[in-house]
Amino acid sequence: MVDTPASNALRARIEAGGVALGVLDNTYSPTLVEFYGELGLDFVWLDLEHGGPSPLDSGAMEDLLRAAERTGIEPLVRLPTADPEFVRKALDLGVRNVFLPRVESADEVRAAVRSARFTYGDGPGDRGLASPRARRWGLADDYVAREDRETLVGVTIETAESLADLDAILDVPELGFVFIGPFDLSVALGHPGEIDHPDVRDAVERIRSAAVDAGVPVGGLGFGMDDANRKAEHGYQLINLGSTTGALKGVVDGWLDDAAVDRGE
């Protein structure tokens, strides 16, 4: 037998009541995933809904996962859909934290969460038992119990349907967290891009307060550190601080603004 991966630090942090901070790497670079770990972030968000490799592209995904494992940062992988096929594939590759986009009902969430588990409630789960990378190709000990203990599955609440079925979604057993998606909510509520519109702000607050009351961890976007700190004070436990390209833009814009050279413009 070989050493199994360490416990899921992201799950442990939020279950202990802590706050996890991360960054969206929208370049999908193993080097940057590794570097974010060296910088001390808790998670790196890999958004496979809006870009990046397919979760069915094992080679590309394994490179990202190996980079994360070297520095101990937890990948938080948003899948293209809530299809159980994608959930099972991502977990077998070694992903331990997945979240699902554009869910519409508690039944859909329950099916996805069950697909991530070997046992679910008092009955069987719907995860296939094989010897993939997550099992170290059959060499890992205590695989079934460890996977059920360490895997974290969350959902993005960002559609009108998920908002309408919110209480039932929050009641799904083994739901790891809800992540509030204000931009898609603004589209769903008829105010595209207006995340400060009263309807959108009310929906965000409804999700946050309902999740806190239900004891389900809440995740969201931090729009600057003042906003991130306020969110942490109001019960958010997973906060995305920004993106790779956003950080680079801010730095490069500052360099160019301060450059005392004639660029012929």
C-alpha atoms as a PDB file:
ATOM      1  CA  MET A   1       0.000   0.000   0.000  1.00  0.00           C
ATOM      2  CA  VAL A   2       1.047   3.612  -0.551  1.00  0.00           C
ATOM      3  CA  ASP A   3       0.516   6.740   1.459  1.00  0.00           C
ATOM      4  CA  THR A   4      -2.909   8.212   0.830  1.00  0.00           C
ATOM      5  CA  PRO A   5      -3.409  11.941   0.259  1.00  0.00           C
ATOM      6  CA  ALA A   6      -3.657  14.115   3.326  1.00  0.00           C
ATOM      7  CA  SER A   7      -7.066  15.037   4.674  1.00  0.00           C
ATOM      8  CA  ASN A   8      -9.082  17.620   2.750  1.00  0.00           C
ATOM      9  CA  ALA A   9      -7.858  20.863   4.317  1.00  0.00           C
ATOM     10  CA  LEU A  10     -10.667  22.887   2.725  1.00  0.00           C
ATOM     11  CA  ARG A  11     -13.389  20.685   4.151  1.00  0.00           C
ATOM     12  CA  ALA A  12     -11.672  20.609   7.542  1.00  0.00           C
ATOM     13  CA  ARG A  13     -11.379  24.396   7.646  1.00  0.00           C
ATOM     14  CA  ILE A  14     -15.020  25.149   6.911  1.00  0.00           C
ATOM     15  CA  GLU A  15     -16.315  22.337   9.133  1.00  0.00           C
ATOM     16  CA  ALA A  16     -14.299  23.874  11.976  1.00  0.00           C
ATOM     17  CA  GLY A  17     -16.038  27.203  11.348  1.00  0.00           C
ATOM     18  CA  GLY A  18     -13.106  28.872   9.632  1.00  0.00           C
ATOM     19  CA  VAL A  19     -12.917  30.963   6.471  1.00  0.00           C
ATOM     20  CA  ALA A  20     -11.115  29.715   3.363  1.00  0.00           C
ATOM     21  CA  LEU A  21      -9.598  32.197   0.903  1.00  0.00           C
ATOM     22  CA  GLY A  22      -8.827  31.439  -2.711  1.00  0.00           C
ATOM     23  CA  VAL A  23      -8.240  32.748  -6.218  1.00  0.00           C
ATOM     24  CA  LEU A  24      -9.735  31.835  -9.585  1.00  0.00           C
ATOM     25  CA  ASP A  25      -6.971  30.710 -11.922  1.00  0.00           C
ATOM     26  CA  ASN A  26      -8.530  31.442 -15.291  1.00  0.00           C
ATOM     27  CA  THR A  27      -5.301  30.608 -17.118  1.00  0.00           C
ATOM     28  CA  TYR A  28      -5.518  26.929 -16.076  1.00  0.00           C
ATOM     29  CA  SER A  29      -1.757  26.858 -15.535  1.00  0.00           C
ATOM     30  CA  PRO A  30      -0.205  24.118 -13.377  1.00  0.00           C
ATOM     31  CA  THR A  31       2.642  26.529 -12.611  1.00  0.00           C
ATOM     32  CA  LEU A  32       0.258  29.131 -11.195  1.00  0.00           C
ATOM     33  CA  VAL A  33      -1.747  26.511  -9.299  1.00  0.00           C
ATOM     34  CA  GLU A  34       1.501  25.404  -7.663  1.00  0.00           C
ATOM     35  CA  PHE A  35       2.546  29.025  -7.030  1.00  0.00           C
ATOM     36  CA  TYR A  36      -0.773  29.901  -5.357  1.00  0.00           C
ATOM     37  CA  GLY A  37      -0.087  27.057  -2.962  1.00  0.00           C
ATOM     38  CA  GLU A  38       3.341  28.477  -2.166  1.00  0.00           C
ATOM     39  CA  LEU A  39       1.680  31.839  -1.448  1.00  0.00           C
ATOM     40  CA  GLY A  40      -0.492  30.230   1.219  1.00  0.00           C
ATOM     41  CA  LEU A  41      -3.978  30.374  -0.277  1.00  0.00           C
ATOM     42  CA  ASP A  42      -6.463  27.764   0.890  1.00  0.00           C
ATOM     43  CA  PHE A  43      -7.935  26.929  -2.517  1.00  0.00           C
ATOM     44  CA  VAL A  44      -7.557  27.591  -6.204  1.00  0.00           C
ATOM     45  CA  TRP A  45     -10.794  27.787  -8.167  1.00  0.00           C
ATOM     46  CA  LEU A  46     -10.688  25.954 -11.500  1.00  0.00           C
ATOM     47  CA  ASP A  47     -13.803  26.937 -13.422  1.00  0.00           C
ATOM     48  CA  LEU A  48     -14.540  24.274 -16.036  1.00  0.00           C
ATOM     49  CA  GLU A  49     -17.967  25.740 -16.760  1.00  0.00           C
ATOM     50  CA  HIS A  50     -16.725  28.851 -18.552  1.00  0.00           C
ATOM     51  CA  GLY A  51     -13.309  27.712 -19.756  1.00  0.00           C
ATOM     52  CA  GLY A  52     -10.386  25.402 -19.250  1.00  0.00           C
ATOM     53  CA  PRO A  53     -10.086  21.716 -20.084  1.00  0.00           C
ATOM     54  CA  SER A  54     -12.927  19.258 -20.042  1.00  0.00           C
ATOM     55  CA  PRO A  55     -13.064  17.209 -16.833  1.00  0.00           C
ATOM     56  CA  LEU A  56     -12.966  14.257 -19.239  1.00  0.00           C
ATOM     57  CA  ASP A  57      -9.470  15.344 -20.380  1.00  0.00           C
ATOM     58  CA  SER A  58      -7.546  13.254 -17.881  1.00  0.00           C
ATOM     59  CA  GLY A  59      -4.078  14.435 -18.870  1.00  0.00           C
ATOM     60  CA  ALA A  60      -4.802  18.150 -18.492  1.00  0.00           C
ATOM     61  CA  MET A  61      -6.669  17.647 -15.223  1.00  0.00           C
ATOM     62  CA  GLU A  62      -3.959  15.444 -13.726  1.00  0.00           C
ATOM     63  CA  ASP A  63      -1.313  18.108 -14.411  1.00  0.00           C
ATOM     64  CA  LEU A  64      -3.387  20.684 -12.494  1.00  0.00           C
ATOM     65  CA  LEU A  65      -4.015  18.273  -9.636  1.00  0.00           C
ATOM     66  CA  ARG A  66      -0.366  17.266  -9.307  1.00  0.00           C
ATOM     67  CA  ALA A  67       0.622  20.930  -9.101  1.00  0.00           C
ATOM     68  CA  ALA A  68      -1.880  21.488  -6.307  1.00  0.00           C
ATOM     69  CA  GLU A  69      -0.821  18.385  -4.417  1.00  0.00           C
ATOM     70  CA  ARG A  70       2.819  19.481  -4.377  1.00  0.00           C
ATOM     71  CA  THR A  71       2.089  22.652  -2.404  1.00  0.00           C
ATOM     72  CA  GLY A  72      -0.976  21.456  -0.499  1.00  0.00           C
ATOM     73  CA  ILE A  73      -3.512  23.870  -1.978  1.00  0.00           C
ATOM     74  CA  GLU A  74      -7.017  22.485  -2.507  1.00  0.00           C
ATOM     75  CA  PRO A  75      -8.477  22.717  -6.034  1.00  0.00           C
ATOM     76  CA  LEU A  76     -12.106  23.840  -6.020  1.00  0.00           C
ATOM     77  CA  VAL A  77     -13.424  22.573  -9.327  1.00  0.00           C
ATOM     78  CA  ARG A  78     -16.625  23.894 -10.848  1.00  0.00           C
ATOM     79  CA  LEU A  79     -17.912  21.347 -13.351  1.00  0.00           C
ATOM     80  CA  PRO A  80     -19.599  22.179 -16.665  1.00  0.00           C
ATOM     81  CA  THR A  81     -22.898  20.675 -15.497  1.00  0.00           C
ATOM     82  CA  ALA A  82     -24.359  18.819 -12.526  1.00  0.00           C
ATOM     83  CA  ASP A  83     -24.376  15.589 -14.535  1.00  0.00           C
ATOM     84  CA  PRO A  84     -23.286  12.719 -12.237  1.00  0.00           C
ATOM     85  CA  GLU A  85     -20.998  11.491 -15.013  1.00  0.00           C
ATOM     86  CA  PHE A  86     -18.839  14.597 -14.615  1.00  0.00           C
ATOM     87  CA  VAL A  87     -18.910  14.347 -10.813  1.00  0.00           C
ATOM     88  CA  ARG A  88     -17.707  10.752 -10.809  1.00  0.00           C
ATOM     89  CA  LYS A  89     -15.013  11.404 -13.412  1.00  0.00           C
ATOM     90  CA  ALA A  90     -13.595  14.420 -11.546  1.00  0.00           C
ATOM     91  CA  LEU A  91     -13.478  12.539  -8.244  1.00  0.00           C
ATOM     92  CA  ASP A  92     -11.821   9.495  -9.794  1.00  0.00           C
ATOM     93  CA  LEU A  93      -9.100  11.788 -11.176  1.00  0.00           C
ATOM     94  CA  GLY A  94      -8.392  12.963  -7.621  1.00  0.00           C
ATOM     95  CA  VAL A  95     -10.542  16.098  -7.251  1.00  0.00           C
ATOM     96  CA  ARG A  96     -11.969  16.302  -3.724  1.00  0.00           C
ATOM     97  CA  ASN A  97     -13.895  19.589  -3.911  1.00  0.00           C
ATOM     98  CA  VAL A  98     -16.455  20.023  -6.674  1.00  0.00           C
ATOM     99  CA  PHE A  99     -19.241  22.483  -7.131  1.00  0.00           C
ATOM    100  CA  LEU A 100     -22.086  22.364  -9.557  1.00  0.00           C
ATOM    101  CA  PRO A 101     -23.298  25.197 -11.815  1.00  0.00           C
ATOM    102  CA  ARG A 102     -26.817  26.241 -12.701  1.00  0.00           C
ATOM    103  CA  VAL A 103     -28.679  23.670 -10.627  1.00  0.00           C
ATOM    104  CA  GLU A 104     -32.464  23.942 -10.688  1.00  0.00           C
ATOM    105  CA  SER A 105     -33.870  21.547  -8.097  1.00  0.00           C
ATOM    106  CA  ALA A 106     -33.160  19.618  -4.936  1.00  0.00           C
ATOM    107  CA  ASP A 107     -33.633  16.367  -6.863  1.00  0.00           C
ATOM    108  CA  GLU A 108     -30.850  17.348  -9.260  1.00  0.00           C
ATOM    109  CA  VAL A 109     -28.554  18.261  -6.381  1.00  0.00           C
ATOM    110  CA  ARG A 110     -29.365  15.066  -4.491  1.00  0.00           C
ATOM    111  CA  ALA A 111     -28.514  12.934  -7.531  1.00  0.00           C
ATOM    112  CA  ALA A 112     -25.171  14.713  -7.963  1.00  0.00           C
ATOM    113  CA  VAL A 113     -24.244  14.466  -4.283  1.00  0.00           C
ATOM    114  CA  ARG A 114     -25.202  10.798  -4.190  1.00  0.00           C
ATOM    115  CA  SER A 115     -23.003  10.172  -7.248  1.00  0.00           C
ATOM    116  CA  ALA A 116     -20.047  11.409  -5.180  1.00  0.00           C
ATOM    117  CA  ARG A 117     -20.509   8.873  -2.401  1.00  0.00           C
ATOM    118  CA  PHE A 118     -20.152   5.129  -1.929  1.00  0.00           C
ATOM    119  CA  THR A 119     -22.696   5.236   0.892  1.00  0.00           C
ATOM    120  CA  TYR A 120     -25.458   7.806   1.172  1.00  0.00           C
ATOM    121  CA  GLY A 121     -27.634   8.059   4.239  1.00  0.00           C
ATOM    122  CA  ASP A 122     -28.655   4.571   5.239  1.00  0.00           C
ATOM    123  CA  GLY A 123     -28.219   3.153   1.748  1.00  0.00           C
ATOM    124  CA  PRO A 124     -25.788   2.864  -1.122  1.00  0.00           C
ATOM    125  CA  GLY A 125     -24.338   5.807  -2.944  1.00  0.00           C
ATOM    126  CA  ASP A 126     -23.944   6.025  -6.700  1.00  0.00           C
ATOM    127  CA  ARG A 127     -20.173   6.309  -7.069  1.00  0.00           C
ATOM    128  CA  GLY A 128     -18.445   3.576  -9.017  1.00  0.00           C
ATOM    129  CA  LEU A 129     -15.760   1.553  -7.263  1.00  0.00           C
ATOM    130  CA  ALA A 130     -12.640   1.064  -9.347  1.00  0.00           C
ATOM    131  CA  SER A 131      -8.891   1.701  -9.120  1.00  0.00           C
ATOM    132  CA  PRO A 132      -8.418   5.189 -10.630  1.00  0.00           C
ATOM    133  CA  ARG A 133      -5.871   7.862  -9.772  1.00  0.00           C
ATOM    134  CA  ALA A 134      -7.840   8.838  -6.639  1.00  0.00           C
ATOM    135  CA  ARG A 135      -7.204   5.315  -5.364  1.00  0.00           C
ATOM    136  CA  ARG A 136      -3.573   5.440  -6.449  1.00  0.00           C
ATOM    137  CA  TRP A 137      -4.459   2.830  -9.044  1.00  0.00           C
ATOM    138  CA  GLY A 138      -5.495   0.324  -6.412  1.00  0.00           C
ATOM    139  CA  LEU A 139      -2.604   0.895  -4.019  1.00  0.00           C
ATOM    140  CA  ALA A 140      -4.298   3.241  -1.535  1.00  0.00           C
ATOM    141  CA  ASP A 141      -5.578   1.885   1.744  1.00  0.00           C
ATOM    142  CA  ASP A 142      -8.988   2.695   3.270  1.00  0.00           C
ATOM    143  CA  TYR A 143     -10.160   4.184  -0.036  1.00  0.00           C
ATOM    144  CA  VAL A 144     -13.940   3.954   0.318  1.00  0.00           C
ATOM    145  CA  ALA A 145     -14.177   5.371   3.842  1.00  0.00           C
ATOM    146  CA  ARG A 146     -11.588   8.067   3.107  1.00  0.00           C
ATOM    147  CA  GLU A 147     -13.320   9.276  -0.048  1.00  0.00           C
ATOM    148  CA  ASP A 148     -16.719   9.507   1.638  1.00  0.00           C
ATOM    149  CA  ARG A 149     -15.127  11.349   4.551  1.00  0.00           C
ATOM    150  CA  GLU A 150     -13.025  13.839   2.558  1.00  0.00           C
ATOM    151  CA  THR A 151     -15.110  14.664  -0.540  1.00  0.00           C
ATOM    152  CA  LEU A 152     -16.936  18.005  -0.602  1.00  0.00           C
ATOM    153  CA  VAL A 153     -19.750  18.738  -3.061  1.00  0.00           C
ATOM    154  CA  GLY A 154     -21.361  22.160  -3.283  1.00  0.00           C
ATOM    155  CA  VAL A 155     -23.708  24.002  -5.605  1.00  0.00           C
ATOM    156  CA  THR A 156     -23.924  27.446  -7.141  1.00  0.00           C
ATOM    157  CA  ILE A 157     -27.257  29.140  -6.494  1.00  0.00           C
ATOM    158  CA  GLU A 158     -27.637  31.339  -9.550  1.00  0.00           C
ATOM    159  CA  THR A 159     -30.897  30.477 -11.325  1.00  0.00           C
ATOM    160  CA  ALA A 160     -34.503  31.431 -10.685  1.00  0.00           C
ATOM    161  CA  GLU A 161     -35.347  27.748 -10.293  1.00  0.00           C
ATOM    162  CA  SER A 162     -32.692  27.117  -7.641  1.00  0.00           C
ATOM    163  CA  LEU A 163     -33.813  30.247  -5.807  1.00  0.00           C
ATOM    164  CA  ALA A 164     -37.402  28.962  -5.784  1.00  0.00           C
ATOM    165  CA  ASP A 165     -36.277  25.537  -4.481  1.00  0.00           C
ATOM    166  CA  LEU A 166     -33.664  26.943  -2.094  1.00  0.00           C
ATOM    167  CA  ASP A 167     -34.989  25.496   1.161  1.00  0.00           C
ATOM    168  CA  ALA A 168     -35.217  21.995  -0.305  1.00  0.00           C
ATOM    169  CA  ILE A 169     -31.704  22.279  -1.785  1.00  0.00           C
ATOM    170  CA  LEU A 170     -30.299  23.313   1.587  1.00  0.00           C
ATOM    171  CA  ASP A 171     -31.933  20.226   3.086  1.00  0.00           C
ATOM    172  CA  VAL A 172     -30.101  17.777   0.781  1.00  0.00           C
ATOM    173  CA  PRO A 173     -28.017  15.410   2.947  1.00  0.00           C
ATOM    174  CA  GLU A 174     -24.221  15.794   2.621  1.00  0.00           C
ATOM    175  CA  LEU A 175     -24.460  19.078   0.731  1.00  0.00           C
ATOM    176  CA  GLY A 176     -21.084  20.658   1.435  1.00  0.00           C
ATOM    177  CA  PHE A 177     -21.762  24.336   0.678  1.00  0.00           C
ATOM    178  CA  VAL A 178     -23.700  26.798  -1.449  1.00  0.00           C
ATOM    179  CA  PHE A 179     -21.846  29.332  -3.564  1.00  0.00           C
ATOM    180  CA  ILE A 180     -23.783  32.488  -4.438  1.00  0.00           C
ATOM    181  CA  GLY A 181     -23.532  33.520  -8.097  1.00  0.00           C
ATOM    182  CA  PRO A 182     -24.580  37.197  -8.318  1.00  0.00           C
ATOM    183  CA  PHE A 183     -23.839  37.668 -12.009  1.00  0.00           C
ATOM    184  CA  ASP A 184     -26.019  34.794 -13.238  1.00  0.00           C
ATOM    185  CA  LEU A 185     -28.634  35.773 -10.665  1.00  0.00           C
ATOM    186  CA  SER A 186     -28.697  39.246 -12.221  1.00  0.00           C
ATOM    187  CA  VAL A 187     -29.478  37.652 -15.595  1.00  0.00           C
ATOM    188  CA  ALA A 188     -32.099  35.313 -14.126  1.00  0.00           C
ATOM    189  CA  LEU A 189     -33.837  38.222 -12.392  1.00  0.00           C
ATOM    190  CA  GLY A 190     -33.921  40.395 -15.498  1.00  0.00           C
ATOM    191  CA  HIS A 191     -31.076  42.795 -14.625  1.00  0.00           C
ATOM    192  CA  PRO A 192     -28.018  41.485 -16.510  1.00  0.00           C
ATOM    193  CA  GLY A 193     -24.778  42.683 -14.952  1.00  0.00           C
ATOM    194  CA  GLU A 194     -26.532  44.829 -12.329  1.00  0.00           C
ATOM    195  CA  ILE A 195     -25.337  42.970  -9.275  1.00  0.00           C
ATOM    196  CA  ASP A 196     -26.187  45.960  -7.078  1.00  0.00           C
ATOM    197  CA  HIS A 197     -29.810  46.041  -8.254  1.00  0.00           C
ATOM    198  CA  PRO A 198     -32.167  45.729  -5.253  1.00  0.00           C
ATOM    199  CA  ASP A 199     -33.699  42.514  -6.632  1.00  0.00           C
ATOM    200  CA  VAL A 200     -30.277  40.910  -6.958  1.00  0.00           C
ATOM    201  CA  ARG A 201     -29.081  42.131  -3.575  1.00  0.00           C
ATOM    202  CA  ASP A 202     -32.274  40.806  -1.956  1.00  0.00           C
ATOM    203  CA  ALA A 203     -31.777  37.408  -3.606  1.00  0.00           C
ATOM    204  CA  VAL A 204     -28.154  37.239  -2.460  1.00  0.00           C
ATOM    205  CA  GLU A 205     -29.164  38.066   1.098  1.00  0.00           C
ATOM    206  CA  ARG A 206     -31.980  35.535   1.017  1.00  0.00           C
ATOM    207  CA  ILE A 207     -29.540  32.795  -0.002  1.00  0.00           C
ATOM    208  CA  ARG A 208     -26.943  33.823   2.562  1.00  0.00           C
ATOM    209  CA  SER A 209     -29.320  34.028   5.489  1.00  0.00           C
ATOM    210  CA  ALA A 210     -31.161  30.805   4.605  1.00  0.00           C
ATOM    211  CA  ALA A 211     -27.891  28.894   4.297  1.00  0.00           C
ATOM    212  CA  VAL A 212     -26.545  30.247   7.582  1.00  0.00           C
ATOM    213  CA  ASP A 213     -29.810  29.337   9.315  1.00  0.00           C
ATOM    214  CA  ALA A 214     -29.655  25.834   7.799  1.00  0.00           C
ATOM    215  CA  GLY A 215     -26.049  25.338   8.880  1.00  0.00           C
ATOM    216  CA  VAL A 216     -24.791  25.033   5.287  1.00  0.00           C
ATOM    217  CA  PRO A 217     -21.493  26.846   4.583  1.00  0.00           C
ATOM    218  CA  VAL A 218     -21.731  29.816   2.209  1.00  0.00           C
ATOM    219  CA  GLY A 219     -19.275  30.789  -0.513  1.00  0.00           C
ATOM    220  CA  GLY A 220     -19.060  33.854  -2.709  1.00  0.00           C
ATOM    221  CA  LEU A 221     -17.029  36.450  -4.550  1.00  0.00           C
ATOM    222  CA  GLY A 222     -15.050  39.126  -2.759  1.00  0.00           C
ATOM    223  CA  PHE A 223     -15.099  42.463  -4.570  1.00  0.00           C
ATOM    224  CA  GLY A 224     -11.994  43.902  -2.931  1.00  0.00           C
ATOM    225  CA  MET A 225     -10.718  43.136   0.546  1.00  0.00           C
ATOM    226  CA  ASP A 226     -13.172  45.404   2.357  1.00  0.00           C
ATOM    227  CA  ASP A 227     -16.016  43.430   0.798  1.00  0.00           C
ATOM    228  CA  ALA A 228     -14.296  40.100   1.481  1.00  0.00           C
ATOM    229  CA  ASN A 229     -13.829  41.019   5.133  1.00  0.00           C
ATOM    230  CA  ARG A 230     -17.493  42.070   5.425  1.00  0.00           C
ATOM    231  CA  LYS A 231     -18.564  38.792   3.902  1.00  0.00           C
ATOM    232  CA  ALA A 232     -16.457  36.856   6.393  1.00  0.00           C
ATOM    233  CA  GLU A 233     -18.121  38.800   9.219  1.00  0.00           C
ATOM    234  CA  HIS A 234     -21.539  37.833   7.833  1.00  0.00           C
ATOM    235  CA  GLY A 235     -21.036  34.108   7.650  1.00  0.00           C
ATOM    236  CA  TYR A 236     -19.265  33.470   4.346  1.00  0.00           C
ATOM    237  CA  GLN A 237     -16.733  30.662   4.719  1.00  0.00           C
ATOM    238  CA  LEU A 238     -15.398  30.330   1.154  1.00  0.00           C
ATOM    239  CA  ILE A 239     -14.369  33.628  -0.402  1.00  0.00           C
ATOM    240  CA  ASN A 240     -12.802  34.051  -3.811  1.00  0.00           C
ATOM    241  CA  LEU A 241     -10.517  37.079  -3.726  1.00  0.00           C
ATOM    242  CA  GLY A 242     -10.044  37.582  -7.455  1.00  0.00           C
ATOM    243  CA  SER A 243      -8.591  36.033 -10.581  1.00  0.00           C
ATOM    244  CA  THR A 244      -5.190  35.552 -12.147  1.00  0.00           C
ATOM    245  CA  THR A 245      -5.972  37.846 -15.069  1.00  0.00           C
ATOM    246  CA  GLY A 246      -7.566  40.441 -12.793  1.00  0.00           C
ATOM    247  CA  ALA A 247      -4.491  40.521 -10.580  1.00  0.00           C
ATOM    248  CA  LEU A 248      -2.171  40.797 -13.568  1.00  0.00           C
ATOM    249  CA  LYS A 249      -4.259  43.590 -15.071  1.00  0.00           C
ATOM    250  CA  GLY A 250      -4.082  45.605 -11.864  1.00  0.00           C
ATOM    251  CA  VAL A 251      -0.313  45.228 -11.602  1.00  0.00           C
ATOM    252  CA  VAL A 252       0.466  45.870 -15.277  1.00  0.00           C
ATOM    253  CA  ASP A 253      -1.897  48.866 -15.443  1.00  0.00           C
ATOM    254  CA  GLY A 254      -0.050  50.313 -12.439  1.00  0.00           C
ATOM    255  CA  TRP A 255       3.324  49.761 -14.071  1.00  0.00           C
ATOM    256  CA  LEU A 256       2.220  51.459 -17.275  1.00  0.00           C
ATOM    257  CA  ASP A 257       0.624  54.365 -15.418  1.00  0.00           C
ATOM    258  CA  ASP A 258       3.854  54.948 -13.469  1.00  0.00           C
ATOM    259  CA  ALA A 259       6.234  54.446 -16.393  1.00  0.00           C
ATOM    260  CA  ALA A 260       8.205  57.644 -17.030  1.00  0.00           C
ATOM    261  CA  VAL A 261       8.947  56.812 -20.658  1.00  0.00           C
ATOM    262  CA  ASP A 262       7.776  58.086 -24.026  1.00  0.00           C
ATOM    263  CA  ARG A 263       5.913  55.206 -25.656  1.00  0.00           C
ATOM    264  CA  GLY A 264       4.940  57.263 -28.683  1.00  0.00           C
ATOM    265  CA  GLU A 265       1.251  57.297 -27.898  1.00  0.00           C
END
